[in-house]
N, C-alpha and C. Protein backbone atom coordinates (compact mmCIF):
# COMPACT_ATOMS: atom_id res chain seq x y z
N UNK A 1 13.52 -0.21 -12.79
CA UNK A 1 14.09 -0.42 -11.92
C UNK A 1 14.27 -2.35 -11.46
N UNK A 2 15.61 -2.70 -10.96
CA UNK A 2 15.39 -3.54 -10.50
C UNK A 2 14.77 -4.40 -9.64
N UNK A 3 14.71 -6.19 -9.74
CA UNK A 3 13.89 -6.52 -8.58
C UNK A 3 14.40 -6.62 -7.50
N UNK A 4 15.55 -6.67 -7.28
CA UNK A 4 16.22 -6.79 -5.66
C UNK A 4 16.33 -5.09 -5.51
N UNK A 5 16.15 -4.17 -6.10
CA UNK A 5 16.15 -2.77 -5.96
C UNK A 5 14.92 -2.46 -5.40
N UNK A 6 13.48 -3.06 -5.89
CA UNK A 6 12.44 -2.87 -5.48
C UNK A 6 11.98 -3.61 -4.41
N UNK A 7 12.57 -4.96 -4.09
CA UNK A 7 12.36 -5.85 -2.48
C UNK A 7 13.26 -4.83 -1.83
N UNK A 8 14.15 -4.15 -1.97
CA UNK A 8 15.14 -3.70 -1.11
C UNK A 8 13.79 -2.41 -0.02
N UNK A 9 13.39 -1.93 -1.32
CA UNK A 9 12.24 -0.40 -1.28
C UNK A 9 11.49 -1.01 -0.03
N UNK A 10 10.92 -2.00 -0.03
CA UNK A 10 9.72 -2.58 0.00
C UNK A 10 10.09 -2.64 1.82
N UNK A 11 10.95 -3.43 2.14
CA UNK A 11 11.77 -3.82 3.36
C UNK A 11 11.76 -2.41 4.00
N UNK A 12 12.67 -1.27 3.59
CA UNK A 12 12.53 -0.03 4.07
C UNK A 12 11.55 1.15 4.34
N UNK A 13 10.28 0.42 3.52
CA UNK A 13 9.24 1.31 3.57
C UNK A 13 8.26 0.57 4.31
N UNK A 14 8.58 -0.94 5.11
CA UNK A 14 7.83 -1.44 5.73
C UNK A 14 8.20 -1.16 6.95
N UNK A 15 9.34 -0.99 7.14
CA UNK A 15 10.43 -0.56 8.55
C UNK A 15 9.58 1.14 8.50
N UNK A 16 9.28 1.38 8.22
CA UNK A 16 9.49 3.43 8.41
C UNK A 16 8.00 3.05 9.10
N UNK A 17 6.78 2.91 7.93
CA UNK A 17 5.40 2.57 8.66
C UNK A 17 5.34 1.67 9.74
N UNK A 18 6.17 0.41 10.26
CA UNK A 18 6.15 0.25 11.53
C UNK A 18 6.41 1.35 12.52
N UNK A 19 7.80 1.80 12.25
CA UNK A 19 8.04 3.11 12.91
C UNK A 19 7.17 4.35 13.30
N UNK A 20 6.52 4.69 12.39
CA UNK A 20 5.59 6.00 12.53
C UNK A 20 4.30 5.36 13.06
N UNK A 21 4.32 3.91 13.03
CA UNK A 21 2.97 3.55 13.98
C UNK A 21 3.04 3.67 15.72
N UNK A 22 4.08 3.10 15.65
CA UNK A 22 4.41 3.11 16.46
C UNK A 22 4.78 4.27 17.67
N UNK A 23 5.29 5.24 16.81
CA UNK A 23 5.60 6.57 17.66
C UNK A 23 4.41 7.62 17.59
N UNK A 24 3.65 6.92 16.66
CA UNK A 24 1.80 7.80 16.89
C UNK A 24 1.58 7.83 18.27
N UNK A 25 1.44 6.68 19.13
CA UNK A 25 1.19 6.60 20.68
C UNK A 25 1.43 7.84 21.41
N UNK A 26 2.97 8.44 21.29
CA UNK A 26 3.51 8.92 22.18
C UNK A 26 3.18 10.70 21.15
N UNK A 27 2.89 11.00 20.32
CA UNK A 27 2.63 11.80 19.32
C UNK A 27 1.27 13.07 20.36
N UNK A 28 1.53 14.49 19.82
CA UNK A 28 0.73 15.14 19.95
C UNK A 28 -0.40 15.41 18.87
N UNK A 29 -1.59 15.65 19.42
CA UNK A 29 -2.47 15.60 18.35
C UNK A 29 -2.12 16.28 17.03
N UNK A 30 -1.64 17.53 16.88
CA UNK A 30 -1.04 18.19 15.88
C UNK A 30 -0.20 17.52 15.41
N UNK A 31 1.03 16.99 15.86
CA UNK A 31 2.11 16.12 15.41
C UNK A 31 0.85 14.68 14.83
N UNK A 32 0.40 14.24 15.54
CA UNK A 32 -0.29 13.58 14.40
C UNK A 32 -1.27 13.52 13.44
N UNK A 33 -1.34 14.97 13.85
CA UNK A 33 -2.25 15.28 12.41
C UNK A 33 -1.76 15.94 11.43
N UNK A 34 -0.35 16.27 11.54
CA UNK A 34 0.64 16.26 10.45
C UNK A 34 1.40 15.15 9.46
N UNK A 35 1.22 13.83 10.71
CA UNK A 35 1.48 12.81 10.09
C UNK A 35 0.70 11.78 9.32
N UNK A 36 -0.45 11.91 9.78
CA UNK A 36 -1.39 11.48 9.00
C UNK A 36 -1.71 12.44 7.37
N UNK A 37 -1.32 13.66 7.44
CA UNK A 37 -1.88 14.59 6.04
C UNK A 37 -0.25 14.05 5.48
N UNK A 38 0.78 13.64 6.24
CA UNK A 38 2.09 13.15 5.52
C UNK A 38 1.68 11.68 4.89
N UNK A 39 1.51 10.90 5.47
CA UNK A 39 0.90 9.78 5.20
C UNK A 39 0.14 9.79 4.03
N UNK A 40 -1.33 10.40 4.15
CA UNK A 40 -2.31 10.30 3.17
C UNK A 40 -1.24 11.03 1.69
N UNK A 41 -0.52 11.71 2.30
CA UNK A 41 0.22 13.06 0.87
C UNK A 41 1.12 11.41 -0.04
N UNK A 42 1.47 10.71 0.99
CA UNK A 42 2.90 9.28 0.60
C UNK A 42 1.82 8.74 -0.06
N UNK A 43 0.24 8.25 0.38
CA UNK A 43 0.07 7.32 -0.47
C UNK A 43 -0.89 7.36 -1.78
N UNK A 44 -1.19 8.54 -1.98
CA UNK A 44 -1.57 9.64 -2.95
C UNK A 44 -0.78 9.59 -4.19
N UNK A 45 0.65 9.67 -3.63
CA UNK A 45 1.82 10.22 -4.54
C UNK A 45 2.05 8.23 -4.99
N UNK A 46 2.30 7.31 -3.90
CA UNK A 46 2.16 5.97 -4.56
C UNK A 46 1.47 5.82 -5.34
N UNK A 47 0.18 5.81 -5.26
CA UNK A 47 -1.06 5.58 -6.23
C UNK A 47 -1.43 5.59 -7.34
N UNK A 48 -0.35 7.32 -7.66
CA UNK A 48 0.02 7.59 -8.78
C UNK A 48 0.71 7.10 -9.40
N UNK A 49 2.17 6.75 -9.07
CA UNK A 49 3.10 6.24 -8.99
C UNK A 49 2.70 4.81 -9.63
N UNK A 50 1.81 3.99 -8.89
CA UNK A 50 1.37 3.12 -9.46
C UNK A 50 0.09 3.03 -10.74
N UNK A 51 -0.07 3.74 -10.94
CA UNK A 51 -1.34 3.99 -11.97
C UNK A 51 -0.26 3.94 -12.85
N UNK A 52 0.81 4.96 -12.91
CA UNK A 52 2.24 5.38 -13.73
C UNK A 52 2.46 3.83 -14.58
N UNK A 53 3.13 3.71 -13.74
CA UNK A 53 3.80 2.53 -13.93
C UNK A 53 2.79 1.61 -14.74
N UNK A 54 1.59 1.43 -14.04
CA UNK A 54 0.78 0.22 -14.92
C UNK A 54 0.94 1.24 -16.33
N UNK A 55 0.25 2.28 -16.25
CA UNK A 55 -0.12 2.39 -17.78
C UNK A 55 1.24 1.99 -18.78
N UNK A 56 2.45 1.85 -18.27
CA UNK A 56 3.64 2.24 -18.75
C UNK A 56 4.29 0.44 -19.03
N UNK A 57 3.35 -0.27 -18.32
CA UNK A 57 3.31 -1.63 -18.43
C UNK A 57 2.77 -2.60 -18.78
N UNK A 58 1.40 -1.95 -19.49
CA UNK A 58 0.24 -2.59 -19.29
C UNK A 58 0.31 -4.26 -20.12
N UNK A 59 1.20 -3.58 -21.41
CA UNK A 59 1.11 -5.30 -22.04
C UNK A 59 2.31 -5.91 -21.22
N UNK A 60 3.01 -5.56 -20.31
CA UNK A 60 3.34 -6.60 -20.02
C UNK A 60 3.19 -7.57 -18.56
N UNK A 61 1.66 -7.07 -18.16
CA UNK A 61 1.30 -7.58 -16.87
C UNK A 61 -0.40 -8.06 -17.16
N UNK A 62 -0.34 -9.24 -16.03
CA UNK A 62 -1.52 -9.57 -16.78
C UNK A 62 -2.34 -8.81 -16.22
N UNK A 63 -3.92 -9.60 -16.56
CA UNK A 63 -5.11 -9.01 -16.25
C UNK A 63 -5.29 -8.63 -15.16
N UNK A 64 -5.28 -10.14 -14.16
CA UNK A 64 -5.69 -9.80 -12.69
C UNK A 64 -4.93 -9.03 -11.95
N UNK A 65 -3.42 -8.96 -12.38
CA UNK A 65 -2.73 -7.62 -11.81
C UNK A 65 -3.24 -5.96 -11.71
N UNK A 66 -3.55 -5.93 -13.31
CA UNK A 66 -4.36 -4.64 -13.96
C UNK A 66 -5.32 -4.15 -13.17
N UNK A 67 -6.46 -5.50 -12.76
CA UNK A 67 -7.53 -5.01 -11.92
C UNK A 67 -7.32 -4.80 -10.67
N UNK A 68 -6.31 -5.69 -10.04
CA UNK A 68 -5.97 -5.23 -8.63
C UNK A 68 -5.72 -3.97 -8.15
N UNK A 69 -4.62 -3.64 -9.43
CA UNK A 69 -4.19 -2.14 -9.14
C UNK A 69 -5.25 -1.11 -8.83
N UNK A 70 -6.13 -1.35 -9.67
CA UNK A 70 -7.91 -0.18 -10.51
C UNK A 70 -8.12 -0.47 -8.97
N UNK A 71 -8.35 -1.50 -8.30
CA UNK A 71 -9.27 -2.14 -7.19
C UNK A 71 -8.58 -1.80 -6.05
N UNK A 72 -7.31 -1.27 -5.74
CA UNK A 72 -6.61 -0.26 -5.00
C UNK A 72 -6.52 0.85 -4.95
N UNK A 73 -6.56 1.37 -6.34
CA UNK A 73 -6.60 2.46 -6.35
C UNK A 73 -8.39 3.45 -6.10
N UNK A 74 -9.19 2.41 -6.05
CA UNK A 74 -10.42 2.91 -5.87
C UNK A 74 -10.44 2.78 -4.25
N UNK A 75 -10.14 1.74 -3.93
CA UNK A 75 -9.70 1.46 -2.15
C UNK A 75 -9.32 2.84 -1.61
N UNK A 76 -7.78 3.19 -1.82
CA UNK A 76 -7.53 4.25 -1.21
C UNK A 76 -8.08 5.79 -1.55
N UNK A 77 -9.26 5.96 -2.51
CA UNK A 77 -9.42 7.46 -3.26
C UNK A 77 -10.91 6.82 -2.04
N UNK A 78 -11.40 5.72 -1.80
CA UNK A 78 -12.69 5.48 -0.65
C UNK A 78 -12.05 5.60 0.47
N UNK A 79 -10.78 5.23 1.17
CA UNK A 79 -10.21 5.45 2.10
C UNK A 79 -10.36 6.94 2.49
N UNK A 80 -9.54 7.62 1.87
CA UNK A 80 -9.12 9.25 1.86
C UNK A 80 -10.69 9.89 1.93
N UNK A 81 -11.80 9.71 1.12
CA UNK A 81 -13.15 10.38 1.40
C UNK A 81 -13.45 10.13 2.61
N UNK A 82 -13.51 9.15 3.08
CA UNK A 82 -13.80 8.57 4.40
C UNK A 82 -13.50 9.02 5.33
N UNK A 83 -12.44 9.76 5.49
CA UNK A 83 -11.03 10.38 6.59
C UNK A 83 -11.69 11.74 6.31
N UNK A 84 -11.83 11.81 5.23
CA UNK A 84 -12.69 13.60 4.89
C UNK A 84 -13.66 13.80 5.82
N UNK A 85 -15.03 12.44 5.50
CA UNK A 85 -16.08 12.67 5.74
C UNK A 85 -15.72 12.52 7.35
N UNK A 86 -15.08 11.58 7.99
CA UNK A 86 -15.12 11.67 9.45
C UNK A 86 -14.47 12.89 10.57
N UNK A 87 -13.50 13.60 9.54
CA UNK A 87 -13.05 14.72 9.56
C UNK A 87 -14.44 16.24 10.29
N UNK A 88 -15.71 15.42 9.78
CA UNK A 88 -16.41 17.01 9.81
C UNK A 88 -17.80 16.18 10.96
N UNK A 89 -17.47 15.20 11.27
CA UNK A 89 -18.14 14.75 12.48
C UNK A 89 -17.93 15.07 13.84
N UNK A 90 -18.96 15.28 14.45
CA UNK A 90 -18.64 15.63 15.81
C UNK A 90 -19.25 15.37 17.11
N UNK A 91 -20.06 14.44 16.84
CA UNK A 91 -21.11 13.68 17.74
C UNK A 91 -19.95 12.88 18.14
N UNK A 92 -19.66 12.91 19.69
CA UNK A 92 -18.87 12.07 20.39
C UNK A 92 -19.29 10.33 20.24
N UNK A 93 -20.43 9.98 20.37
CA UNK A 93 -21.02 8.53 20.27
C UNK A 93 -20.20 8.48 18.76
N UNK A 94 -20.70 9.16 17.64
CA UNK A 94 -20.63 8.97 16.77
C UNK A 94 -19.10 8.73 16.16
N UNK A 95 -18.12 9.75 16.93
CA UNK A 95 -17.04 9.74 17.02
C UNK A 95 -15.92 8.63 17.25
N UNK A 96 -16.67 7.83 18.37
CA UNK A 96 -16.05 6.89 19.10
C UNK A 96 -16.21 5.42 18.15
N UNK A 97 -17.42 5.52 17.19
CA UNK A 97 -17.96 4.39 16.71
C UNK A 97 -17.05 4.63 15.02
N UNK A 98 -16.75 5.89 15.18
CA UNK A 98 -16.05 6.26 13.58
C UNK A 98 -14.47 5.32 13.85
N UNK A 99 -14.00 5.80 14.94
CA UNK A 99 -12.87 5.40 15.67
C UNK A 99 -12.67 3.93 15.62
N UNK A 100 -13.65 3.38 15.89
CA UNK A 100 -13.64 1.99 15.92
C UNK A 100 -13.23 1.38 14.47
N UNK A 101 -13.85 2.13 14.23
CA UNK A 101 -14.13 1.28 12.34
C UNK A 101 -12.58 1.75 11.34
N UNK A 102 -12.48 3.27 12.15
CA UNK A 102 -10.64 3.21 11.54
C UNK A 102 -10.12 2.71 11.82
N UNK A 103 -10.11 2.24 13.19
CA UNK A 103 -9.28 0.87 13.78
C UNK A 103 -9.08 -0.06 13.09
N UNK A 104 -10.22 -0.45 12.79
CA UNK A 104 -10.58 -1.64 11.74
C UNK A 104 -9.99 -1.84 10.89
N UNK A 105 -10.24 -0.67 10.25
CA UNK A 105 -9.90 -0.21 8.42
C UNK A 105 -8.44 -0.53 8.51
N UNK A 106 -7.24 -0.06 9.95
CA UNK A 106 -5.93 0.01 10.06
C UNK A 106 -5.79 -1.44 9.44
N UNK A 107 -6.68 -2.19 10.36
CA UNK A 107 -6.30 -3.87 10.32
C UNK A 107 -6.16 -4.51 9.57
N UNK A 108 -7.30 -4.04 8.77
CA UNK A 108 -7.64 -4.79 7.74
C UNK A 108 -6.67 -4.21 6.42
N UNK A 109 -6.18 -2.67 6.52
CA UNK A 109 -4.76 -2.53 5.37
C UNK A 109 -3.95 -3.31 5.81
N UNK A 110 -3.29 -3.29 6.96
CA UNK A 110 -2.41 -4.34 7.19
C UNK A 110 -2.52 -5.60 6.74
N UNK A 111 -3.50 -6.19 7.29
CA UNK A 111 -3.68 -7.69 6.88
C UNK A 111 -3.58 -7.87 5.28
N UNK A 112 -4.07 -6.39 4.39
CA UNK A 112 -4.03 -6.55 3.13
C UNK A 112 -2.34 -6.30 2.59
N UNK A 113 -2.07 -5.52 3.49
CA UNK A 113 -0.57 -5.56 3.18
C UNK A 113 0.32 -6.54 3.13
N UNK A 114 -0.11 -7.39 4.26
CA UNK A 114 0.58 -8.91 4.16
C UNK A 114 0.27 -9.34 3.01
N UNK A 115 -0.97 -10.02 2.68
CA UNK A 115 -1.10 -10.51 2.07
C UNK A 115 -0.67 -10.53 0.42
N UNK A 116 -0.61 -8.89 0.15
CA UNK A 116 0.61 -8.64 -0.87
C UNK A 116 1.55 -8.70 -0.84
N UNK A 117 2.05 -8.58 0.28
CA UNK A 117 4.04 -8.98 0.36
C UNK A 117 3.91 -10.44 0.28
N UNK A 118 3.05 -11.58 0.82
CA UNK A 118 3.23 -12.87 0.36
C UNK A 118 3.24 -13.32 -1.33
N UNK A 119 2.05 -12.45 -1.86
CA UNK A 119 1.81 -12.81 -3.43
C UNK A 119 3.18 -11.89 -4.23
N UNK A 120 3.56 -10.87 -3.63
CA UNK A 120 4.84 -10.19 -4.52
C UNK A 120 5.90 -10.91 -3.83
N UNK A 121 6.51 -12.19 -2.55
CA UNK A 121 7.25 -12.73 -2.92
C UNK A 121 6.84 -14.39 -3.29
N UNK A 122 5.51 -14.65 -3.79
CA UNK A 122 5.37 -15.14 -4.69
C UNK A 122 5.97 -15.36 -6.48
N UNK A 123 5.05 -14.11 -6.38
CA UNK A 123 6.02 -13.25 -8.03
C UNK A 123 7.04 -13.56 -7.97
N UNK A 124 7.26 -12.80 -7.07
CA UNK A 124 8.76 -12.28 -7.59
C UNK A 124 10.24 -13.78 -7.46
N UNK A 125 9.14 -15.36 -6.08
CA UNK A 125 10.11 -15.85 -6.95
C UNK A 125 9.82 -17.03 -8.14
N UNK A 126 8.63 -16.37 -7.83
CA UNK A 126 8.24 -17.17 -10.41
C UNK A 126 8.78 -16.59 -10.92
N UNK A 127 8.98 -15.32 -11.02
CA UNK A 127 9.62 -14.36 -11.94
C UNK A 127 11.35 -15.25 -12.20
N UNK A 128 11.58 -15.25 -10.88
CA UNK A 128 13.16 -15.56 -11.11
C UNK A 128 13.44 -16.81 -11.43
N UNK A 129 12.61 -17.84 -11.04
CA UNK A 129 12.07 -19.50 -11.76
C UNK A 129 12.48 -19.12 -13.58
N UNK A 130 11.62 -18.57 -13.87
CA UNK A 130 10.58 -18.44 -14.92
C UNK A 130 12.01 -17.95 -16.00
N UNK A 131 13.04 -16.64 -15.25
CA UNK A 131 14.10 -16.30 -15.96
C UNK A 131 15.22 -17.27 -15.73
N UNK A 132 15.62 -18.12 -15.08
CA UNK A 132 16.40 -19.24 -14.68
C UNK A 132 15.93 -20.23 -15.86
N UNK A 133 14.87 -20.77 -16.24
CA UNK A 133 14.11 -21.55 -17.23
C UNK A 133 14.55 -20.83 -18.75
N UNK A 134 14.23 -19.67 -18.40
CA UNK A 134 14.53 -18.85 -20.16
C UNK A 134 16.14 -18.79 -20.07
N UNK A 135 16.70 -18.92 -19.09
CA UNK A 135 18.64 -19.09 -19.23
C UNK A 135 18.64 -20.42 -19.78
N UNK A 136 17.96 -20.95 -19.00
CA UNK A 136 18.60 -22.56 -19.75
C UNK A 136 18.34 -23.08 -21.13
N UNK A 137 16.59 -22.64 -21.29
CA UNK A 137 16.57 -23.19 -23.01
C UNK A 137 17.84 -22.43 -24.16
N UNK A 138 18.08 -21.52 -23.71
CA UNK A 138 18.69 -20.10 -23.93
C UNK A 138 20.25 -20.55 -24.32
N UNK A 139 20.61 -21.11 -23.02
CA UNK A 139 22.30 -21.68 -23.41
C UNK A 139 21.69 -23.70 -23.88
N UNK A 140 21.01 -24.18 -23.26
CA UNK A 140 20.85 -25.94 -23.19
C UNK A 140 20.63 -25.88 -24.61
């Protein structure tokens, strides 16, 4: 997939995530539960896709990026596990504390995504500069 295609997909996916988060405030419990399940499945599918992509490109990616991908897979597995554990809790006070933690996790995940976008922007620009320099050396 071309770099420009990946950037377009990123922008579209970020907008969809924003829309889904905004709509959550007006949804019924059942609708929100279905959205949560869909989002979980999407996140798992994306993590699997990332893992497969990393396997195919291991020779081309840096060790740092490979470690970042593994850390992300570990993080998403823990978040899924934590979500499932929270569903089993029934104590009201505990549920409120867990809701606070879930909201804090959501904020942290968004902040992580923002940092990832910044890092992606930097690497995209650096990749384009590297390609220009390579092309200049090939023709110069």
